[in-house]
Amino acid sequence: MKVTLRFFARFGELLGKDRIVDAPENTSLADLVRDAASQNGEGYGLIFDGEGKFREYVILMRNGKRVSAAAAERTPLSEGDEVAVFPPVAGG
């Protein structure tokens, strides 16, 4: 199944901003991000801790709706989904 994966800001610099991923059926949101992030050690370390869990500041979205890190582990993806991964947002 085809899924769009988007990394933003520093995550995008390290892992590529936008990509279409051909993910196996029954792939979870967390599995998709984990697999993509594993291609770059620094990027992986910014998103995941030493136990492979999302860092508390990582913001995850599926089709424009926020998904908690805990829910990402059990959130199955479907054909055409869009997953976005954001670092902490700051501004003024």
PDB file of N, CA and C in Angstrom:
ATOM      1  N   MET A   1       0.846  -1.172   0.000  1.00  0.00           N
ATOM      2  CA  MET A   1       0.000   0.000   0.000  1.00  0.00           C
ATOM      3  C   MET A   1       0.894   1.237   0.000  1.00  0.00           C
ATOM      4  N   LYS A   2       0.454   2.261  -0.660  1.00  0.00           N
ATOM      5  CA  LYS A   2       1.208   3.509  -0.760  1.00  0.00           C
ATOM      6  C   LYS A   2       0.766   4.468   0.346  1.00  0.00           C
ATOM      7  N   VAL A   3       1.772   5.015   1.074  1.00  0.00           N
ATOM      8  CA  VAL A   3       1.541   5.955   2.168  1.00  0.00           C
ATOM      9  C   VAL A   3       2.508   7.115   1.983  1.00  0.00           C
ATOM     10  N   THR A   4       2.046   8.341   2.203  1.00  0.00           N
ATOM     11  CA  THR A   4       2.919   9.510   2.143  1.00  0.00           C
ATOM     12  C   THR A   4       3.486   9.754   3.525  1.00  0.00           C
ATOM     13  N   LEU A   5       4.798   9.918   3.605  1.00  0.00           N
ATOM     14  CA  LEU A   5       5.489  10.174   4.866  1.00  0.00           C
ATOM     15  C   LEU A   5       6.209  11.500   4.746  1.00  0.00           C
ATOM     16  N   ARG A   6       5.936  12.402   5.681  1.00  0.00           N
ATOM     17  CA  ARG A   6       6.536  13.732   5.659  1.00  0.00           C
ATOM     18  C   ARG A   6       7.236  14.016   6.983  1.00  0.00           C
ATOM     19  N   PHE A   7       8.500  14.397   6.871  1.00  0.00           N
ATOM     20  CA  PHE A   7       9.271  14.838   8.027  1.00  0.00           C
ATOM     21  C   PHE A   7       9.468  16.341   7.900  1.00  0.00           C
ATOM     22  N   PHE A   8       9.386  17.053   9.015  1.00  0.00           N
ATOM     23  CA  PHE A   8       9.486  18.509   8.986  1.00  0.00           C
ATOM     24  C   PHE A   8      10.698  19.007   9.769  1.00  0.00           C
ATOM     25  N   ALA A   9      11.145  20.225   9.407  1.00  0.00           N
ATOM     26  CA  ALA A   9      12.247  20.933  10.062  1.00  0.00           C
ATOM     27  C   ALA A   9      13.499  20.048  10.103  1.00  0.00           C
ATOM     28  N   ARG A  10      14.134  19.928  11.249  1.00  0.00           N
ATOM     29  CA  ARG A  10      15.386  19.166  11.366  1.00  0.00           C
ATOM     30  C   ARG A  10      15.194  17.706  10.963  1.00  0.00           C
ATOM     31  N   PHE A  11      14.053  17.127  11.280  1.00  0.00           N
ATOM     32  CA  PHE A  11      13.789  15.746  10.876  1.00  0.00           C
ATOM     33  C   PHE A  11      13.846  15.623   9.351  1.00  0.00           C
ATOM     34  N   GLY A  12      13.259  16.595   8.657  1.00  0.00           N
ATOM     35  CA  GLY A  12      13.256  16.588   7.197  1.00  0.00           C
ATOM     36  C   GLY A  12      14.640  16.768   6.607  1.00  0.00           C
ATOM     37  N   GLU A  13      15.458  17.581   7.260  1.00  0.00           N
ATOM     38  CA  GLU A  13      16.833  17.775   6.788  1.00  0.00           C
ATOM     39  C   GLU A  13      17.612  16.467   6.831  1.00  0.00           C
ATOM     40  N   LEU A  14      17.376  15.672   7.844  1.00  0.00           N
ATOM     41  CA  LEU A  14      18.123  14.430   8.024  1.00  0.00           C
ATOM     42  C   LEU A  14      17.521  13.240   7.276  1.00  0.00           C
ATOM     43  N   LEU A  15      16.195  13.215   7.163  1.00  0.00           N
ATOM     44  CA  LEU A  15      15.527  12.020   6.643  1.00  0.00           C
ATOM     45  C   LEU A  15      14.814  12.231   5.313  1.00  0.00           C
ATOM     46  N   GLY A  16      14.847  13.449   4.802  1.00  0.00           N
ATOM     47  CA  GLY A  16      14.112  13.753   3.581  1.00  0.00           C
ATOM     48  C   GLY A  16      12.724  14.256   3.935  1.00  0.00           C
ATOM     49  N   LYS A  17      12.278  15.252   3.232  1.00  0.00           N
ATOM     50  CA  LYS A  17      11.030  15.909   3.615  1.00  0.00           C
ATOM     51  C   LYS A  17       9.791  15.093   3.266  1.00  0.00           C
ATOM     52  N   ASP A  18       9.651  14.697   2.028  1.00  0.00           N
ATOM     53  CA  ASP A  18       8.450  13.983   1.580  1.00  0.00           C
ATOM     54  C   ASP A  18       8.851  12.721   0.835  1.00  0.00           C
ATOM     55  N   ARG A  19       8.121  11.672   1.087  1.00  0.00           N
ATOM     56  CA  ARG A  19       8.352  10.444   0.326  1.00  0.00           C
ATOM     57  C   ARG A  19       7.075   9.621   0.276  1.00  0.00           C
ATOM     58  N   ILE A  20       6.943   8.882  -0.795  1.00  0.00           N
ATOM     59  CA  ILE A  20       5.864   7.910  -0.916  1.00  0.00           C
ATOM     60  C   ILE A  20       6.483   6.567  -0.557  1.00  0.00           C
ATOM     61  N   VAL A  21       5.893   5.895   0.418  1.00  0.00           N
ATOM     62  CA  VAL A  21       6.424   4.625   0.904  1.00  0.00           C
ATOM     63  C   VAL A  21       5.466   3.511   0.502  1.00  0.00           C
ATOM     64  N   ASP A  22       6.027   2.439   0.006  1.00  0.00           N
ATOM     65  CA  ASP A  22       5.235   1.245  -0.285  1.00  0.00           C
ATOM     66  C   ASP A  22       5.328   0.353   0.951  1.00  0.00           C
ATOM     67  N   ALA A  23       4.359   0.475   1.835  1.00  0.00           N
ATOM     68  CA  ALA A  23       4.379  -0.222   3.128  1.00  0.00           C
ATOM     69  C   ALA A  23       3.584  -1.522   3.047  1.00  0.00           C
ATOM     70  N   PRO A  24       4.057  -2.562   3.742  1.00  0.00           N
ATOM     71  CA  PRO A  24       3.289  -3.807   3.793  1.00  0.00           C
ATOM     72  C   PRO A  24       1.953  -3.607   4.522  1.00  0.00           C
ATOM     73  N   GLU A  25       0.987  -4.431   4.198  1.00  0.00           N
ATOM     74  CA  GLU A  25      -0.289  -4.406   4.918  1.00  0.00           C
ATOM     75  C   GLU A  25      -0.024  -4.597   6.410  1.00  0.00           C
ATOM     76  N   ASN A  26      -0.876  -4.056   7.247  1.00  0.00           N
ATOM     77  CA  ASN A  26      -0.789  -4.159   8.709  1.00  0.00           C
ATOM     78  C   ASN A  26       0.406  -3.413   9.308  1.00  0.00           C
ATOM     79  N   THR A  27       0.973  -2.465   8.559  1.00  0.00           N
ATOM     80  CA  THR A  27       2.045  -1.634   9.102  1.00  0.00           C
ATOM     81  C   THR A  27       1.431  -0.585  10.017  1.00  0.00           C
ATOM     82  N   SER A  28       2.013  -0.417  11.207  1.00  0.00           N
ATOM     83  CA  SER A  28       1.533   0.625  12.122  1.00  0.00           C
ATOM     84  C   SER A  28       2.235   1.932  11.800  1.00  0.00           C
ATOM     85  N   LEU A  29       1.658   3.018  12.270  1.00  0.00           N
ATOM     86  CA  LEU A  29       2.276   4.328  12.100  1.00  0.00           C
ATOM     87  C   LEU A  29       3.688   4.316  12.687  1.00  0.00           C
ATOM     88  N   ALA A  30       3.856   3.749  13.867  1.00  0.00           N
ATOM     89  CA  ALA A  30       5.164   3.698  14.521  1.00  0.00           C
ATOM     90  C   ALA A  30       6.153   2.876  13.702  1.00  0.00           C
ATOM     91  N   ASP A  31       5.725   1.750  13.156  1.00  0.00           N
ATOM     92  CA  ASP A  31       6.610   0.917  12.345  1.00  0.00           C
ATOM     93  C   ASP A  31       7.088   1.665  11.102  1.00  0.00           C
ATOM     94  N   LEU A  32       6.187   2.408  10.467  1.00  0.00           N
ATOM     95  CA  LEU A  32       6.537   3.172   9.280  1.00  0.00           C
ATOM     96  C   LEU A  32       7.622   4.197   9.597  1.00  0.00           C
ATOM     97  N   VAL A  33       7.415   4.965  10.657  1.00  0.00           N
ATOM     98  CA  VAL A  33       8.381   6.004  11.038  1.00  0.00           C
ATOM     99  C   VAL A  33       9.693   5.365  11.473  1.00  0.00           C
ATOM    100  N   ARG A  34       9.615   4.316  12.249  1.00  0.00           N
ATOM    101  CA  ARG A  34      10.822   3.629  12.736  1.00  0.00           C
ATOM    102  C   ARG A  34      11.668   3.126  11.561  1.00  0.00           C
ATOM    103  N   ASP A  35      11.020   2.519  10.585  1.00  0.00           N
ATOM    104  CA  ASP A  35      11.735   1.990   9.427  1.00  0.00           C
ATOM    105  C   ASP A  35      12.402   3.117   8.635  1.00  0.00           C
ATOM    106  N   ALA A  36      11.676   4.192   8.390  1.00  0.00           N
ATOM    107  CA  ALA A  36      12.237   5.318   7.632  1.00  0.00           C
ATOM    108  C   ALA A  36      13.371   5.994   8.392  1.00  0.00           C
ATOM    109  N   ALA A  37      13.209   6.180   9.689  1.00  0.00           N
ATOM    110  CA  ALA A  37      14.221   6.860  10.498  1.00  0.00           C
ATOM    111  C   ALA A  37      15.481   6.026  10.659  1.00  0.00           C
ATOM    112  N   SER A  38      15.365   4.717  10.548  1.00  0.00           N
ATOM    113  CA  SER A  38      16.524   3.846  10.744  1.00  0.00           C
ATOM    114  C   SER A  38      17.576   4.041   9.660  1.00  0.00           C
ATOM    115  N   GLN A  39      17.239   4.744   8.603  1.00  0.00           N
ATOM    116  CA  GLN A  39      18.180   4.993   7.513  1.00  0.00           C
ATOM    117  C   GLN A  39      19.205   6.074   7.859  1.00  0.00           C
ATOM    118  N   ASN A  40      19.011   6.761   8.984  1.00  0.00           N
ATOM    119  CA  ASN A  40      19.930   7.822   9.389  1.00  0.00           C
ATOM    120  C   ASN A  40      20.037   7.801  10.907  1.00  0.00           C
ATOM    121  N   GLY A  41      21.220   7.475  11.421  1.00  0.00           N
ATOM    122  CA  GLY A  41      21.406   7.333  12.865  1.00  0.00           C
ATOM    123  C   GLY A  41      21.065   8.576  13.653  1.00  0.00           C
ATOM    124  N   GLU A  42      21.472   9.740  13.147  1.00  0.00           N
ATOM    125  CA  GLU A  42      21.175  10.981  13.869  1.00  0.00           C
ATOM    126  C   GLU A  42      19.672  11.255  13.877  1.00  0.00           C
ATOM    127  N   GLY A  43      19.033  11.060  12.731  1.00  0.00           N
ATOM    128  CA  GLY A  43      17.587  11.262  12.652  1.00  0.00           C
ATOM    129  C   GLY A  43      16.836  10.314  13.566  1.00  0.00           C
ATOM    130  N   TYR A  44      17.259   9.055  13.572  1.00  0.00           N
ATOM    131  CA  TYR A  44      16.627   8.064  14.442  1.00  0.00           C
ATOM    132  C   TYR A  44      16.772   8.482  15.908  1.00  0.00           C
ATOM    133  N   GLY A  45      17.966   8.917  16.281  1.00  0.00           N
ATOM    134  CA  GLY A  45      18.217   9.319  17.666  1.00  0.00           C
ATOM    135  C   GLY A  45      17.440  10.546  18.102  1.00  0.00           C
ATOM    136  N   LEU A  46      17.067  11.399  17.157  1.00  0.00           N
ATOM    137  CA  LEU A  46      16.253  12.568  17.502  1.00  0.00           C
ATOM    138  C   LEU A  46      14.787  12.200  17.702  1.00  0.00           C
ATOM    139  N   ILE A  47      14.339  11.160  17.023  1.00  0.00           N
ATOM    140  CA  ILE A  47      12.926  10.762  17.091  1.00  0.00           C
ATOM    141  C   ILE A  47      12.677   9.698  18.149  1.00  0.00           C
ATOM    142  N   PHE A  48      13.627   8.765  18.290  1.00  0.00           N
ATOM    143  CA  PHE A  48      13.448   7.640  19.213  1.00  0.00           C
ATOM    144  C   PHE A  48      14.516   7.631  20.290  1.00  0.00           C
ATOM    145  N   ASP A  49      14.147   7.130  21.472  1.00  0.00           N
ATOM    146  CA  ASP A  49      15.123   6.994  22.557  1.00  0.00           C
ATOM    147  C   ASP A  49      15.853   5.655  22.417  1.00  0.00           C
ATOM    148  N   GLY A  50      16.707   5.340  23.367  1.00  0.00           N
ATOM    149  CA  GLY A  50      17.504   4.120  23.328  1.00  0.00           C
ATOM    150  C   GLY A  50      16.685   2.847  23.376  1.00  0.00           C
ATOM    151  N   GLU A  51      15.437   2.931  23.821  1.00  0.00           N
ATOM    152  CA  GLU A  51      14.556   1.764  23.879  1.00  0.00           C
ATOM    153  C   GLU A  51      13.663   1.651  22.645  1.00  0.00           C
ATOM    154  N   GLY A  52      13.845   2.567  21.689  1.00  0.00           N
ATOM    155  CA  GLY A  52      13.031   2.535  20.481  1.00  0.00           C
ATOM    156  C   GLY A  52      11.658   3.150  20.639  1.00  0.00           C
ATOM    157  N   LYS A  53      11.470   3.939  21.688  1.00  0.00           N
ATOM    158  CA  LYS A  53      10.188   4.629  21.910  1.00  0.00           C
ATOM    159  C   LYS A  53      10.310   6.065  21.437  1.00  0.00           C
ATOM    160  N   PHE A  54       9.183   6.612  20.969  1.00  0.00           N
ATOM    161  CA  PHE A  54       9.200   7.998  20.534  1.00  0.00           C
ATOM    162  C   PHE A  54       9.619   8.915  21.679  1.00  0.00           C
ATOM    163  N   ARG A  55      10.457   9.885  21.351  1.00  0.00           N
ATOM    164  CA  ARG A  55      10.799  10.901  22.350  1.00  0.00           C
ATOM    165  C   ARG A  55       9.544  11.722  22.626  1.00  0.00           C
ATOM    166  N   GLU A  56       9.445  12.230  23.852  1.00  0.00           N
ATOM    167  CA  GLU A  56       8.206  12.895  24.278  1.00  0.00           C
ATOM    168  C   GLU A  56       7.868  14.134  23.465  1.00  0.00           C
ATOM    169  N   TYR A  57       8.841  14.757  22.837  1.00  0.00           N
ATOM    170  CA  TYR A  57       8.581  15.989  22.095  1.00  0.00           C
ATOM    171  C   TYR A  57       8.156  15.758  20.643  1.00  0.00           C
ATOM    172  N   VAL A  58       8.203  14.539  20.153  1.00  0.00           N
ATOM    173  CA  VAL A  58       7.858  14.254  18.758  1.00  0.00           C
ATOM    174  C   VAL A  58       6.344  14.367  18.569  1.00  0.00           C
ATOM    175  N   ILE A  59       5.946  15.090  17.531  1.00  0.00           N
ATOM    176  CA  ILE A  59       4.532  15.269  17.209  1.00  0.00           C
ATOM    177  C   ILE A  59       4.216  14.420  15.987  1.00  0.00           C
ATOM    178  N   LEU A  60       3.218  13.558  16.116  1.00  0.00           N
ATOM    179  CA  LEU A  60       2.813  12.652  15.043  1.00  0.00           C
ATOM    180  C   LEU A  60       1.405  12.985  14.583  1.00  0.00           C
ATOM    181  N   MET A  61       1.204  12.931  13.266  1.00  0.00           N
ATOM    182  CA  MET A  61      -0.126  13.158  12.718  1.00  0.00           C
ATOM    183  C   MET A  61      -0.408  12.130  11.624  1.00  0.00           C
ATOM    184  N   ARG A  62      -1.653  11.719  11.564  1.00  0.00           N
ATOM    185  CA  ARG A  62      -2.121  10.835  10.495  1.00  0.00           C
ATOM    186  C   ARG A  62      -3.327  11.492   9.862  1.00  0.00           C
ATOM    187  N   ASN A  63      -3.225  11.798   8.599  1.00  0.00           N
ATOM    188  CA  ASN A  63      -4.314  12.452   7.862  1.00  0.00           C
ATOM    189  C   ASN A  63      -4.801  13.718   8.556  1.00  0.00           C
ATOM    190  N   GLY A  64      -3.845  14.502   9.077  1.00  0.00           N
ATOM    191  CA  GLY A  64      -4.160  15.796   9.680  1.00  0.00           C
ATOM    192  C   GLY A  64      -4.637  15.748  11.118  1.00  0.00           C
ATOM    193  N   LYS A  65      -4.671  14.574  11.715  1.00  0.00           N
ATOM    194  CA  LYS A  65      -5.113  14.448  13.108  1.00  0.00           C
ATOM    195  C   LYS A  65      -3.972  13.933  13.960  1.00  0.00           C
ATOM    196  N   ARG A  66      -3.811  14.539  15.119  1.00  0.00           N
ATOM    197  CA  ARG A  66      -2.716  14.175  16.007  1.00  0.00           C
ATOM    198  C   ARG A  66      -2.905  12.752  16.543  1.00  0.00           C
ATOM    199  N   VAL A  67      -1.788  12.036  16.649  1.00  0.00           N
ATOM    200  CA  VAL A  67      -1.767  10.680  17.183  1.00  0.00           C
ATOM    201  C   VAL A  67      -0.727  10.649  18.293  1.00  0.00           C
ATOM    202  N   SER A  68      -1.092  10.158  19.459  1.00  0.00           N
ATOM    203  CA  SER A  68      -0.129  10.071  20.557  1.00  0.00           C
ATOM    204  C   SER A  68       0.911   9.004  20.236  1.00  0.00           C
ATOM    205  N   ALA A  69       2.056   9.117  20.880  1.00  0.00           N
ATOM    206  CA  ALA A  69       3.125   8.140  20.668  1.00  0.00           C
ATOM    207  C   ALA A  69       2.652   6.735  21.036  1.00  0.00           C
ATOM    208  N   ALA A  70       1.922   6.616  22.127  1.00  0.00           N
ATOM    209  CA  ALA A  70       1.422   5.297  22.548  1.00  0.00           C
ATOM    210  C   ALA A  70       0.445   4.730  21.514  1.00  0.00           C
ATOM    211  N   ALA A  71      -0.434   5.567  20.996  1.00  0.00           N
ATOM    212  CA  ALA A  71      -1.413   5.106  20.006  1.00  0.00           C
ATOM    213  C   ALA A  71      -0.749   4.777  18.672  1.00  0.00           C
ATOM    214  N   ALA A  72       0.375   5.414  18.362  1.00  0.00           N
ATOM    215  CA  ALA A  72       1.063   5.181  17.090  1.00  0.00           C
ATOM    216  C   ALA A  72       1.487   3.727  16.940  1.00  0.00           C
ATOM    217  N   GLU A  73       1.794   3.080  18.051  1.00  0.00           N
ATOM    218  CA  GLU A  73       2.207   1.674  18.015  1.00  0.00           C
ATOM    219  C   GLU A  73       1.080   0.765  17.541  1.00  0.00           C
ATOM    220  N   ARG A  74      -0.150   1.164  17.770  1.00  0.00           N
ATOM    221  CA  ARG A  74      -1.289   0.315  17.411  1.00  0.00           C
ATOM    222  C   ARG A  74      -2.216   0.977  16.378  1.00  0.00           C
ATOM    223  N   THR A  75      -1.712   2.006  15.694  1.00  0.00           N
ATOM    224  CA  THR A  75      -2.503   2.679  14.665  1.00  0.00           C
ATOM    225  C   THR A  75      -2.143   2.103  13.299  1.00  0.00           C
ATOM    226  N   PRO A  76      -3.020   1.281  12.731  1.00  0.00           N
ATOM    227  CA  PRO A  76      -2.727   0.698  11.420  1.00  0.00           C
ATOM    228  C   PRO A  76      -2.880   1.753  10.325  1.00  0.00           C
ATOM    229  N   LEU A  77      -2.078   1.623   9.301  1.00  0.00           N
ATOM    230  CA  LEU A  77      -2.158   2.540   8.176  1.00  0.00           C
ATOM    231  C   LEU A  77      -2.977   1.924   7.060  1.00  0.00           C
ATOM    232  N   SER A  78      -3.519   2.802   6.217  1.00  0.00           N
ATOM    233  CA  SER A  78      -4.317   2.366   5.076  1.00  0.00           C
ATOM    234  C   SER A  78      -3.774   3.020   3.812  1.00  0.00           C
ATOM    235  N   GLU A  79      -4.111   2.445   2.696  1.00  0.00           N
ATOM    236  CA  GLU A  79      -3.729   2.994   1.400  1.00  0.00           C
ATOM    237  C   GLU A  79      -4.082   4.476   1.337  1.00  0.00           C
ATOM    238  N   GLY A  80      -3.112   5.304   0.927  1.00  0.00           N
ATOM    239  CA  GLY A  80      -3.351   6.730   0.751  1.00  0.00           C
ATOM    240  C   GLY A  80      -3.193   7.587   1.995  1.00  0.00           C
ATOM    241  N   ASP A  81      -2.909   6.985   3.133  1.00  0.00           N
ATOM    242  CA  ASP A  81      -2.718   7.780   4.358  1.00  0.00           C
ATOM    243  C   ASP A  81      -1.528   8.721   4.204  1.00  0.00           C
ATOM    244  N   GLU A  82      -1.588   9.805   4.966  1.00  0.00           N
ATOM    245  CA  GLU A  82      -0.473  10.744   5.048  1.00  0.00           C
ATOM    246  C   GLU A  82      -0.031  10.822   6.503  1.00  0.00           C
ATOM    247  N   VAL A  83       1.242  10.555   6.742  1.00  0.00           N
ATOM    248  CA  VAL A  83       1.824  10.601   8.075  1.00  0.00           C
ATOM    249  C   VAL A  83       2.805  11.759   8.119  1.00  0.00           C
ATOM    250  N   ALA A  84       2.685  12.606   9.139  1.00  0.00           N
ATOM    251  CA  ALA A  84       3.587  13.746   9.325  1.00  0.00           C
ATOM    252  C   ALA A  84       4.265  13.625  10.674  1.00  0.00           C
ATOM    253  N   VAL A  85       5.565  13.952  10.689  1.00  0.00           N
ATOM    254  CA  VAL A  85       6.369  13.858  11.904  1.00  0.00           C
ATOM    255  C   VAL A  85       7.045  15.212  12.113  1.00  0.00           C
ATOM    256  N   PHE A  86       6.734  15.834  13.253  1.00  0.00           N
ATOM    257  CA  PHE A  86       7.232  17.176  13.559  1.00  0.00           C
ATOM    258  C   PHE A  86       8.121  17.145  14.799  1.00  0.00           C
ATOM    259  N   PRO A  87       9.159  17.978  14.800  1.00  0.00           N
ATOM    260  CA  PRO A  87       9.905  18.207  16.044  1.00  0.00           C
ATOM    261  C   PRO A  87       9.105  19.190  16.894  1.00  0.00           C
ATOM    262  N   PRO A  88       9.595  19.521  18.090  1.00  0.00           N
ATOM    263  CA  PRO A  88       8.876  20.500  18.891  1.00  0.00           C
ATOM    264  C   PRO A  88       8.740  21.809  18.127  1.00  0.00           C
ATOM    265  N   VAL A  89       7.609  22.470  18.292  1.00  0.00           N
ATOM    266  CA  VAL A  89       7.354  23.722  17.602  1.00  0.00           C
ATOM    267  C   VAL A  89       7.596  24.873  18.550  1.00  0.00           C
ATOM    268  N   ALA A  90       8.365  25.826  18.062  1.00  0.00           N
ATOM    269  CA  ALA A  90       8.612  27.039  18.845  1.00  0.00           C
ATOM    270  C   ALA A  90       8.383  28.234  17.931  1.00  0.00           C
ATOM    271  N   GLY A  91       8.114  29.322  18.512  1.00  0.00           N
ATOM    272  CA  GLY A  91       7.909  30.503  17.681  1.00  0.00           C
ATOM    273  C   GLY A  91       7.688  31.724  18.547  1.00  0.00           C
ATOM    274  N   GLY A  92       7.500  32.795  17.889  1.00  0.00           N
ATOM    275  CA  GLY A  92       7.328  34.021  18.653  1.00  0.00           C
ATOM    276  C   GLY A  92       6.452  34.992  17.969  1.00  0.00           C
TER     277      GLY A  92
END
